[in-house]
Amino acid sequence: PGRTVAFLGSSGVGKSTLTNALLGAQAIAT
């Protein structure tokens, strides 16, 4: 809690999928 993390990498490696997993919802299209 209170920390800020970032996903960096090429397209298609799963950054948005990882973000959705942490959010517990399909908030970002993949």
Full PDB file with SEQRES, HELIX, SHEET, SSBOND, CRYST1, ORIGX, SCALE, CONECT and MASTER records, all heavy atoms in Angstrom:
SEQRES   1 A   30  PRO GLY ARG THR VAL ALA PHE LEU GLY SER SER GLY VAL          
SEQRES   2 A   30  GLY LYS SER THR LEU THR ASN ALA LEU LEU GLY ALA GLN          
SEQRES   3 A   30  ALA ILE ALA THR                                              
HELIX    1 AA1 LYS A   15  LEU A   23  1                                   9    
CRYST1    1.000    1.000    1.000  90.00  90.00  90.00 P 1           1          
ORIGX1      1.000000  0.000000  0.000000        0.00000                         
ORIGX2      0.000000  1.000000  0.000000        0.00000                         
ORIGX3      0.000000  0.000000  1.000000        0.00000                         
SCALE1      1.000000  0.000000  0.000000        0.00000                         
SCALE2      0.000000  1.000000  0.000000        0.00000                         
SCALE3      0.000000  0.000000  1.000000        0.00000                         
ATOM      1  N   PRO A   1       0.825  -1.217   0.000  1.00  0.00           N  
ATOM      2  CA  PRO A   1       0.000   0.000   0.000  1.00  0.00           C  
ATOM      3  C   PRO A   1       0.856   1.263   0.000  1.00  0.00           C  
ATOM      4  O   PRO A   1       1.865   1.343   0.707  1.00  0.00           O  
ATOM      5  CB  PRO A   1      -0.793  -0.124   1.309  1.00  0.00           C  
ATOM      6  CG  PRO A   1      -0.857  -1.598   1.568  1.00  0.00           C  
ATOM      7  CD  PRO A   1       0.456  -2.135   1.090  1.00  0.00           C  
ATOM      8  N   GLY A   2       0.468   2.236  -0.820  1.00  0.00           N  
ATOM      9  CA  GLY A   2       1.183   3.496  -0.899  1.00  0.00           C  
ATOM     10  C   GLY A   2       2.354   3.501  -1.858  1.00  0.00           C  
ATOM     11  O   GLY A   2       2.941   4.548  -2.120  1.00  0.00           O  
ATOM     12  N   ARG A   3       2.720   2.332  -2.395  1.00  0.00           N  
ATOM     13  CA  ARG A   3       3.831   2.253  -3.343  1.00  0.00           C  
ATOM     14  C   ARG A   3       3.314   2.372  -4.770  1.00  0.00           C  
ATOM     15  O   ARG A   3       2.146   2.097  -5.055  1.00  0.00           O  
ATOM     16  CB  ARG A   3       4.609   0.943  -3.176  1.00  0.00           C  
ATOM     17  CG  ARG A   3       5.387   0.879  -1.872  1.00  0.00           C  
ATOM     18  CD  ARG A   3       6.117  -0.438  -1.717  1.00  0.00           C  
ATOM     19  NE  ARG A   3       7.110  -0.665  -2.768  1.00  0.00           N  
ATOM     20  CZ  ARG A   3       8.350  -0.188  -2.749  1.00  0.00           C  
ATOM     21  NH1 ARG A   3       8.748   0.565  -1.741  1.00  0.00           N  
ATOM     22  NH2 ARG A   3       9.196  -0.453  -3.724  1.00  0.00           N  
ATOM     23  N   THR A   4       4.203   2.789  -5.661  1.00  0.00           N  
ATOM     24  CA  THR A   4       3.870   2.923  -7.079  1.00  0.00           C  
ATOM     25  C   THR A   4       4.812   2.048  -7.887  1.00  0.00           C  
ATOM     26  O   THR A   4       6.036   2.164  -7.762  1.00  0.00           O  
ATOM     27  CB  THR A   4       4.002   4.383  -7.540  1.00  0.00           C  
ATOM     28  OG1 THR A   4       3.172   5.220  -6.729  1.00  0.00           O  
ATOM     29  CG2 THR A   4       3.552   4.518  -8.992  1.00  0.00           C  
ATOM     30  N   VAL A   5       4.258   1.171  -8.700  1.00  0.00           N  
ATOM     31  CA  VAL A   5       5.057   0.271  -9.524  1.00  0.00           C  
ATOM     32  C   VAL A   5       4.714   0.503 -10.988  1.00  0.00           C  
ATOM     33  O   VAL A   5       3.642   1.030 -11.308  1.00  0.00           O  
ATOM     34  CB  VAL A   5       4.829  -1.206  -9.145  1.00  0.00           C  
ATOM     35  CG1 VAL A   5       5.163  -1.444  -7.669  1.00  0.00           C  
ATOM     36  CG2 VAL A   5       3.394  -1.636  -9.434  1.00  0.00           C  
ATOM     37  N   ALA A   6       5.627   0.114 -11.858  1.00  0.00           N  
ATOM     38  CA  ALA A   6       5.403   0.300 -13.296  1.00  0.00           C  
ATOM     39  C   ALA A   6       5.822  -0.947 -14.056  1.00  0.00           C  
ATOM     40  O   ALA A   6       6.790  -1.621 -13.683  1.00  0.00           O  
ATOM     41  CB  ALA A   6       6.194   1.506 -13.805  1.00  0.00           C  
ATOM     42  N   PHE A   7       5.091  -1.244 -15.112  1.00  0.00           N  
ATOM     43  CA  PHE A   7       5.454  -2.322 -16.021  1.00  0.00           C  
ATOM     44  C   PHE A   7       6.049  -1.701 -17.279  1.00  0.00           C  
ATOM     45  O   PHE A   7       5.408  -0.881 -17.937  1.00  0.00           O  
ATOM     46  CB  PHE A   7       4.229  -3.173 -16.390  1.00  0.00           C  
ATOM     47  CG  PHE A   7       3.696  -3.998 -15.254  1.00  0.00           C  
ATOM     48  CD1 PHE A   7       2.458  -3.718 -14.691  1.00  0.00           C  
ATOM     49  CD2 PHE A   7       4.426  -5.052 -14.740  1.00  0.00           C  
ATOM     50  CE1 PHE A   7       1.966  -4.474 -13.642  1.00  0.00           C  
ATOM     51  CE2 PHE A   7       3.946  -5.808 -13.680  1.00  0.00           C  
ATOM     52  CZ  PHE A   7       2.714  -5.519 -13.137  1.00  0.00           C  
ATOM     53  N   LEU A   8       7.285  -2.085 -17.613  1.00  0.00           N  
ATOM     54  CA  LEU A   8       7.941  -1.611 -18.822  1.00  0.00           C  
ATOM     55  C   LEU A   8       8.342  -2.805 -19.674  1.00  0.00           C  
ATOM     56  O   LEU A   8       8.738  -3.848 -19.147  1.00  0.00           O  
ATOM     57  CB  LEU A   8       9.195  -0.790 -18.490  1.00  0.00           C  
ATOM     58  CG  LEU A   8       9.018   0.523 -17.732  1.00  0.00           C  
ATOM     59  CD1 LEU A   8      10.380   1.175 -17.518  1.00  0.00           C  
ATOM     60  CD2 LEU A   8       8.085   1.470 -18.461  1.00  0.00           C  
ATOM     61  N   GLY A   9       8.272  -2.641 -20.989  1.00  0.00           N  
ATOM     62  CA  GLY A   9       8.653  -3.726 -21.879  1.00  0.00           C  
ATOM     63  C   GLY A   9       8.059  -3.526 -23.256  1.00  0.00           C  
ATOM     64  O   GLY A   9       7.343  -2.553 -23.512  1.00  0.00           O  
ATOM     65  N   SER A  10       8.333  -4.459 -24.141  1.00  0.00           N  
ATOM     66  CA  SER A  10       7.831  -4.382 -25.505  1.00  0.00           C  
ATOM     67  C   SER A  10       6.329  -4.635 -25.551  1.00  0.00           C  
ATOM     68  O   SER A  10       5.727  -5.104 -24.582  1.00  0.00           O  
ATOM     69  CB  SER A  10       8.548  -5.413 -26.377  1.00  0.00           C  
ATOM     70  OG  SER A  10       9.943  -5.262 -26.307  1.00  0.00           O  
ATOM     71  N   SER A  11       5.730  -4.343 -26.694  1.00  0.00           N  
ATOM     72  CA  SER A  11       4.316  -4.640 -26.886  1.00  0.00           C  
ATOM     73  C   SER A  11       4.098  -6.149 -26.923  1.00  0.00           C  
ATOM     74  O   SER A  11       4.920  -6.895 -27.455  1.00  0.00           O  
ATOM     75  CB  SER A  11       3.821  -4.020 -28.198  1.00  0.00           C  
ATOM     76  OG  SER A  11       3.938  -2.625 -28.175  1.00  0.00           O  
ATOM     77  N   GLY A  12       3.013  -6.591 -26.318  1.00  0.00           N  
ATOM     78  CA  GLY A  12       2.637  -7.992 -26.411  1.00  0.00           C  
ATOM     79  C   GLY A  12       3.266  -8.909 -25.388  1.00  0.00           C  
ATOM     80  O   GLY A  12       3.042 -10.117 -25.426  1.00  0.00           O  
ATOM     81  N   VAL A  13       4.059  -8.365 -24.435  1.00  0.00           N  
ATOM     82  CA  VAL A  13       4.712  -9.235 -23.451  1.00  0.00           C  
ATOM     83  C   VAL A  13       3.829  -9.486 -22.229  1.00  0.00           C  
ATOM     84  O   VAL A  13       4.188 -10.287 -21.361  1.00  0.00           O  
ATOM     85  CB  VAL A  13       6.076  -8.659 -22.996  1.00  0.00           C  
ATOM     86  CG1 VAL A  13       7.042  -8.612 -24.154  1.00  0.00           C  
ATOM     87  CG2 VAL A  13       5.901  -7.287 -22.361  1.00  0.00           C  
ATOM     88  N   GLY A  14       2.692  -8.783 -22.153  1.00  0.00           N  
ATOM     89  CA  GLY A  14       1.761  -9.046 -21.061  1.00  0.00           C  
ATOM     90  C   GLY A  14       1.658  -7.956 -20.016  1.00  0.00           C  
ATOM     91  O   GLY A  14       1.156  -8.205 -18.918  1.00  0.00           O  
ATOM     92  N   LYS A  15       2.111  -6.742 -20.327  1.00  0.00           N  
ATOM     93  CA  LYS A  15       2.057  -5.656 -19.340  1.00  0.00           C  
ATOM     94  C   LYS A  15       0.619  -5.335 -18.936  1.00  0.00           C  
ATOM     95  O   LYS A  15       0.314  -5.202 -17.742  1.00  0.00           O  
ATOM     96  CB  LYS A  15       2.739  -4.397 -19.895  1.00  0.00           C  
ATOM     97  CG  LYS A  15       4.207  -4.580 -20.250  1.00  0.00           C  
ATOM     98  CD  LYS A  15       4.870  -3.277 -20.620  1.00  0.00           C  
ATOM     99  CE  LYS A  15       4.194  -2.549 -21.756  1.00  0.00           C  
ATOM    100  NZ  LYS A  15       4.218  -3.328 -23.014  1.00  0.00           N  
ATOM    101  N   SER A  16      -0.252  -5.205 -19.901  1.00  0.00           N  
ATOM    102  CA  SER A  16      -1.654  -4.897 -19.597  1.00  0.00           C  
ATOM    103  C   SER A  16      -2.332  -6.067 -18.889  1.00  0.00           C  
ATOM    104  O   SER A  16      -3.161  -5.872 -18.002  1.00  0.00           O  
ATOM    105  CB  SER A  16      -2.407  -4.541 -20.879  1.00  0.00           C  
ATOM    106  OG  SER A  16      -1.896  -3.342 -21.443  1.00  0.00           O  
ATOM    107  N   THR A  17      -1.985  -7.281 -19.285  1.00  0.00           N  
ATOM    108  CA  THR A  17      -2.542  -8.462 -18.623  1.00  0.00           C  
ATOM    109  C   THR A  17      -2.102  -8.514 -17.164  1.00  0.00           C  
ATOM    110  O   THR A  17      -2.898  -8.838 -16.269  1.00  0.00           O  
ATOM    111  CB  THR A  17      -2.092  -9.747 -19.350  1.00  0.00           C  
ATOM    112  OG1 THR A  17      -2.494  -9.672 -20.724  1.00  0.00           O  
ATOM    113  CG2 THR A  17      -2.715 -10.974 -18.719  1.00  0.00           C  
ATOM    114  N   LEU A  18      -0.844  -8.173 -16.903  1.00  0.00           N  
ATOM    115  CA  LEU A  18      -0.349  -8.126 -15.527  1.00  0.00           C  
ATOM    116  C   LEU A  18      -1.060  -7.043 -14.722  1.00  0.00           C  
ATOM    117  O   LEU A  18      -1.420  -7.252 -13.561  1.00  0.00           O  
ATOM    118  CB  LEU A  18       1.160  -7.860 -15.527  1.00  0.00           C  
ATOM    119  CG  LEU A  18       2.058  -9.034 -15.910  1.00  0.00           C  
ATOM    120  CD1 LEU A  18       3.475  -8.549 -16.209  1.00  0.00           C  
ATOM    121  CD2 LEU A  18       2.085 -10.081 -14.800  1.00  0.00           C  
ATOM    122  N   THR A  19      -1.259  -5.896 -15.346  1.00  0.00           N  
ATOM    123  CA  THR A  19      -1.971  -4.815 -14.668  1.00  0.00           C  
ATOM    124  C   THR A  19      -3.382  -5.251 -14.300  1.00  0.00           C  
ATOM    125  O   THR A  19      -3.855  -5.026 -13.175  1.00  0.00           O  
ATOM    126  CB  THR A  19      -2.025  -3.561 -15.557  1.00  0.00           C  
ATOM    127  OG1 THR A  19      -0.690  -3.143 -15.876  1.00  0.00           O  
ATOM    128  CG2 THR A  19      -2.740  -2.417 -14.853  1.00  0.00           C  
ATOM    129  N   ASN A  20      -4.068  -5.881 -15.242  1.00  0.00           N  
ATOM    130  CA  ASN A  20      -5.417  -6.393 -14.960  1.00  0.00           C  
ATOM    131  C   ASN A  20      -5.405  -7.402 -13.824  1.00  0.00           C  
ATOM    132  O   ASN A  20      -6.317  -7.418 -12.985  1.00  0.00           O  
ATOM    133  CB  ASN A  20      -6.001  -7.028 -16.219  1.00  0.00           C  
ATOM    134  CG  ASN A  20      -6.467  -6.003 -17.239  1.00  0.00           C  
ATOM    135  OD1 ASN A  20      -6.798  -4.877 -16.885  1.00  0.00           O  
ATOM    136  ND2 ASN A  20      -6.495  -6.386 -18.505  1.00  0.00           N  
ATOM    137  N   ALA A  21      -4.371  -8.234 -13.785  1.00  0.00           N  
ATOM    138  CA  ALA A  21      -4.281  -9.236 -12.723  1.00  0.00           C  
ATOM    139  C   ALA A  21      -4.142  -8.576 -11.360  1.00  0.00           C  
ATOM    140  O   ALA A  21      -4.750  -9.017 -10.376  1.00  0.00           O  
ATOM    141  CB  ALA A  21      -3.098 -10.172 -12.985  1.00  0.00           C  
ATOM    142  N   LEU A  22      -3.353  -7.502 -11.277  1.00  0.00           N  
ATOM    143  CA  LEU A  22      -3.192  -6.794 -10.004  1.00  0.00           C  
ATOM    144  C   LEU A  22      -4.464  -6.030  -9.634  1.00  0.00           C  
ATOM    145  O   LEU A  22      -4.780  -5.879  -8.449  1.00  0.00           O  
ATOM    146  CB  LEU A  22      -2.012  -5.828 -10.077  1.00  0.00           C  
ATOM    147  CG  LEU A  22      -0.615  -6.440 -10.229  1.00  0.00           C  
ATOM    148  CD1 LEU A  22       0.453  -5.356 -10.171  1.00  0.00           C  
ATOM    149  CD2 LEU A  22      -0.348  -7.494  -9.164  1.00  0.00           C  
ATOM    150  N   LEU A  23      -5.187  -5.551 -10.653  1.00  0.00           N  
ATOM    151  CA  LEU A  23      -6.420  -4.813 -10.390  1.00  0.00           C  
ATOM    152  C   LEU A  23      -7.579  -5.741 -10.054  1.00  0.00           C  
ATOM    153  O   LEU A  23      -8.579  -5.303  -9.469  1.00  0.00           O  
ATOM    154  CB  LEU A  23      -6.799  -3.958 -11.607  1.00  0.00           C  
ATOM    155  CG  LEU A  23      -5.818  -2.848 -11.996  1.00  0.00           C  
ATOM    156  CD1 LEU A  23      -6.288  -2.155 -13.267  1.00  0.00           C  
ATOM    157  CD2 LEU A  23      -5.679  -1.846 -10.864  1.00  0.00           C  
ATOM    158  N   GLY A  24      -7.445  -7.012 -10.436  1.00  0.00           N  
ATOM    159  CA  GLY A  24      -8.530  -7.954 -10.201  1.00  0.00           C  
ATOM    160  C   GLY A  24      -9.709  -7.732 -11.119  1.00  0.00           C  
ATOM    161  O   GLY A  24     -10.833  -8.113 -10.813  1.00  0.00           O  
ATOM    162  N   ALA A  25      -9.457  -7.104 -12.274  1.00  0.00           N  
ATOM    163  CA  ALA A  25     -10.527  -6.816 -13.223  1.00  0.00           C  
ATOM    164  C   ALA A  25      -9.924  -6.600 -14.599  1.00  0.00           C  
ATOM    165  O   ALA A  25      -8.747  -6.259 -14.732  1.00  0.00           O  
ATOM    166  CB  ALA A  25     -11.316  -5.577 -12.791  1.00  0.00           C  
ATOM    167  N   GLN A  26     -10.737  -6.763 -15.626  1.00  0.00           N  
ATOM    168  CA  GLN A  26     -10.293  -6.527 -16.996  1.00  0.00           C  
ATOM    169  C   GLN A  26     -10.470  -5.045 -17.329  1.00  0.00           C  
ATOM    170  O   GLN A  26     -11.256  -4.659 -18.187  1.00  0.00           O  
ATOM    171  CB  GLN A  26     -11.083  -7.411 -17.971  1.00  0.00           C  
ATOM    172  CG  GLN A  26     -10.820  -8.889 -17.820  1.00  0.00           C  
ATOM    173  CD  GLN A  26      -9.378  -9.244 -18.125  1.00  0.00           C  
ATOM    174  OE1 GLN A  26      -8.825  -8.831 -19.138  1.00  0.00           O  
ATOM    175  NE2 GLN A  26      -8.753 -10.015 -17.236  1.00  0.00           N  
ATOM    176  N   ALA A  27      -9.710  -4.220 -16.642  1.00  0.00           N  
ATOM    177  CA  ALA A  27      -9.843  -2.773 -16.810  1.00  0.00           C  
ATOM    178  C   ALA A  27      -9.170  -2.272 -18.080  1.00  0.00           C  
ATOM    179  O   ALA A  27      -9.498  -1.211 -18.594  1.00  0.00           O  
ATOM    180  CB  ALA A  27      -9.259  -2.059 -15.591  1.00  0.00           C  
ATOM    181  N   ILE A  28      -8.182  -3.031 -18.582  1.00  0.00           N  
ATOM    182  CA  ILE A  28      -7.409  -2.599 -19.747  1.00  0.00           C  
ATOM    183  C   ILE A  28      -7.550  -3.643 -20.844  1.00  0.00           C  
ATOM    184  O   ILE A  28      -7.415  -4.848 -20.597  1.00  0.00           O  
ATOM    185  CB  ILE A  28      -5.929  -2.422 -19.382  1.00  0.00           C  
ATOM    186  CG1 ILE A  28      -5.795  -1.418 -18.221  1.00  0.00           C  
ATOM    187  CG2 ILE A  28      -5.122  -1.952 -20.580  1.00  0.00           C  
ATOM    188  CD1 ILE A  28      -4.395  -1.326 -17.686  1.00  0.00           C  
ATOM    189  N   ALA A  29      -7.810  -3.197 -22.062  1.00  0.00           N  
ATOM    190  CA  ALA A  29      -7.948  -4.119 -23.188  1.00  0.00           C  
ATOM    191  C   ALA A  29      -6.608  -4.771 -23.486  1.00  0.00           C  
ATOM    192  O   ALA A  29      -5.546  -4.172 -23.328  1.00  0.00           O  
ATOM    193  CB  ALA A  29      -8.446  -3.370 -24.420  1.00  0.00           C  
ATOM    194  N   THR A  30      -6.648  -6.023 -23.915  1.00  0.00           N  
ATOM    195  CA  THR A  30      -5.430  -6.748 -24.274  1.00  0.00           C  
ATOM    196  C   THR A  30      -5.604  -7.379 -25.644  1.00  0.00           C  
ATOM    197  O   THR A  30      -6.727  -7.589 -26.123  1.00  0.00           O  
ATOM    198  CB  THR A  30      -5.115  -7.861 -23.263  1.00  0.00           C  
ATOM    199  OG1 THR A  30      -6.212  -8.793 -23.225  1.00  0.00           O  
ATOM    200  CG2 THR A  30      -4.903  -7.277 -21.875  1.00  0.00           C  
TER     201      THR A  30                                                      
MASTER        0    0    0    1    0    0    0    6  200    1    0    3          
END                                                                             
